[in-house]
Amino acid sequence: MEVRFTPEQEAELARLAMRAGKEPSEFVQETIARMLGDHARFLEAVERGFDSLDQGRYVSHEEVGKRIESLLR
């Protein structure tokens, strides 16, 4: 797979990689791996949320507001 970056993106990647003490290609690979893991965890959480809704387990909008208010007091 080949990915093309703008010159600005390449410069930013090089800068961030240098700050992390890595080569740009290593930095990109690690960043993409982290992003893919985050995305997979997000999708799993959404699926669990839909499952909870299907089972009638949810908190109403009003209840969320009340819980937030009580936390802020």
Protein backbone atom coordinates (compact mmCIF):
# COMPACT_ATOMS: atom_id res chain seq x y z
CA MET A 1 0.00 0.00 0.00
CA GLU A 2 1.20 3.45 -0.83
CA VAL A 3 -0.02 6.57 0.92
CA ARG A 4 0.67 10.06 -0.36
CA PHE A 5 1.01 13.04 1.94
CA THR A 6 1.13 16.72 1.16
CA PRO A 7 4.49 18.41 1.77
CA GLU A 8 2.96 20.06 4.83
CA GLN A 9 1.80 16.71 6.21
CA GLU A 10 5.22 15.17 5.58
CA ALA A 11 6.90 18.05 7.40
CA GLU A 12 4.54 17.68 10.36
CA LEU A 13 5.06 13.92 10.46
CA ALA A 14 8.83 14.40 10.38
CA ARG A 15 8.63 16.98 13.18
CA LEU A 16 6.45 14.76 15.37
CA ALA A 17 8.57 11.69 14.66
CA MET A 18 11.71 13.56 15.64
CA ARG A 19 10.10 14.68 18.90
CA ALA A 20 9.19 11.04 19.58
CA GLY A 21 12.71 9.87 18.71
CA LYS A 22 11.50 7.77 15.79
CA GLU A 23 11.89 7.57 12.06
CA PRO A 24 8.87 9.03 10.22
CA SER A 25 7.85 5.64 8.76
CA GLU A 26 7.96 4.01 12.21
CA PHE A 27 6.00 6.92 13.68
CA VAL A 28 3.32 6.62 10.97
CA GLN A 29 3.02 2.85 11.42
CA GLU A 30 2.62 3.19 15.20
CA THR A 31 0.14 6.04 14.81
CA ILE A 32 -1.98 4.09 12.34
CA ALA A 33 -1.89 0.99 14.56
CA ARG A 34 -3.08 3.07 17.52
CA MET A 35 -5.81 4.70 15.42
CA LEU A 36 -7.03 1.32 14.17
CA GLY A 37 -7.17 0.00 17.74
CA ASP A 38 -9.07 3.09 18.89
CA HIS A 39 -11.51 2.72 16.01
CA ALA A 40 -12.12 -0.96 16.78
CA ARG A 41 -12.76 -0.16 20.47
CA PHE A 42 -15.16 2.62 19.47
CA LEU A 43 -17.13 0.31 17.17
CA GLU A 44 -17.32 -2.33 19.91
CA ALA A 45 -18.63 0.27 22.37
CA VAL A 46 -21.27 1.41 19.86
CA GLU A 47 -22.35 -2.19 19.32
CA ARG A 48 -22.62 -2.73 23.10
CA GLY A 49 -24.70 0.44 23.31
CA PHE A 50 -27.07 -0.77 20.62
CA ASP A 51 -27.32 -4.14 22.36
CA SER A 52 -28.23 -2.35 25.60
CA LEU A 53 -30.89 -0.32 23.80
CA ASP A 54 -32.31 -3.48 22.25
CA GLN A 55 -32.54 -4.99 25.75
CA GLY A 56 -34.24 -1.89 27.16
CA ARG A 57 -31.24 -0.86 29.26
CA TYR A 58 -30.64 2.84 28.81
CA VAL A 59 -30.66 6.16 30.65
CA SER A 60 -33.06 8.86 29.47
CA HIS A 61 -31.86 12.28 28.37
CA GLU A 62 -33.45 13.81 31.45
CA GLU A 63 -31.69 11.34 33.77
CA VAL A 64 -28.34 12.11 32.15
CA GLY A 65 -28.96 15.81 32.78
CA LYS A 66 -29.77 15.14 36.42
CA ARG A 67 -26.64 13.04 36.85
CA ILE A 68 -24.47 15.74 35.31
CA GLU A 69 -26.03 18.40 37.53
CA SER A 70 -25.37 16.34 40.63
CA LEU A 71 -21.75 15.86 39.61
CA LEU A 72 -21.26 19.59 39.11
CA ARG A 73 -22.60 20.53 42.54
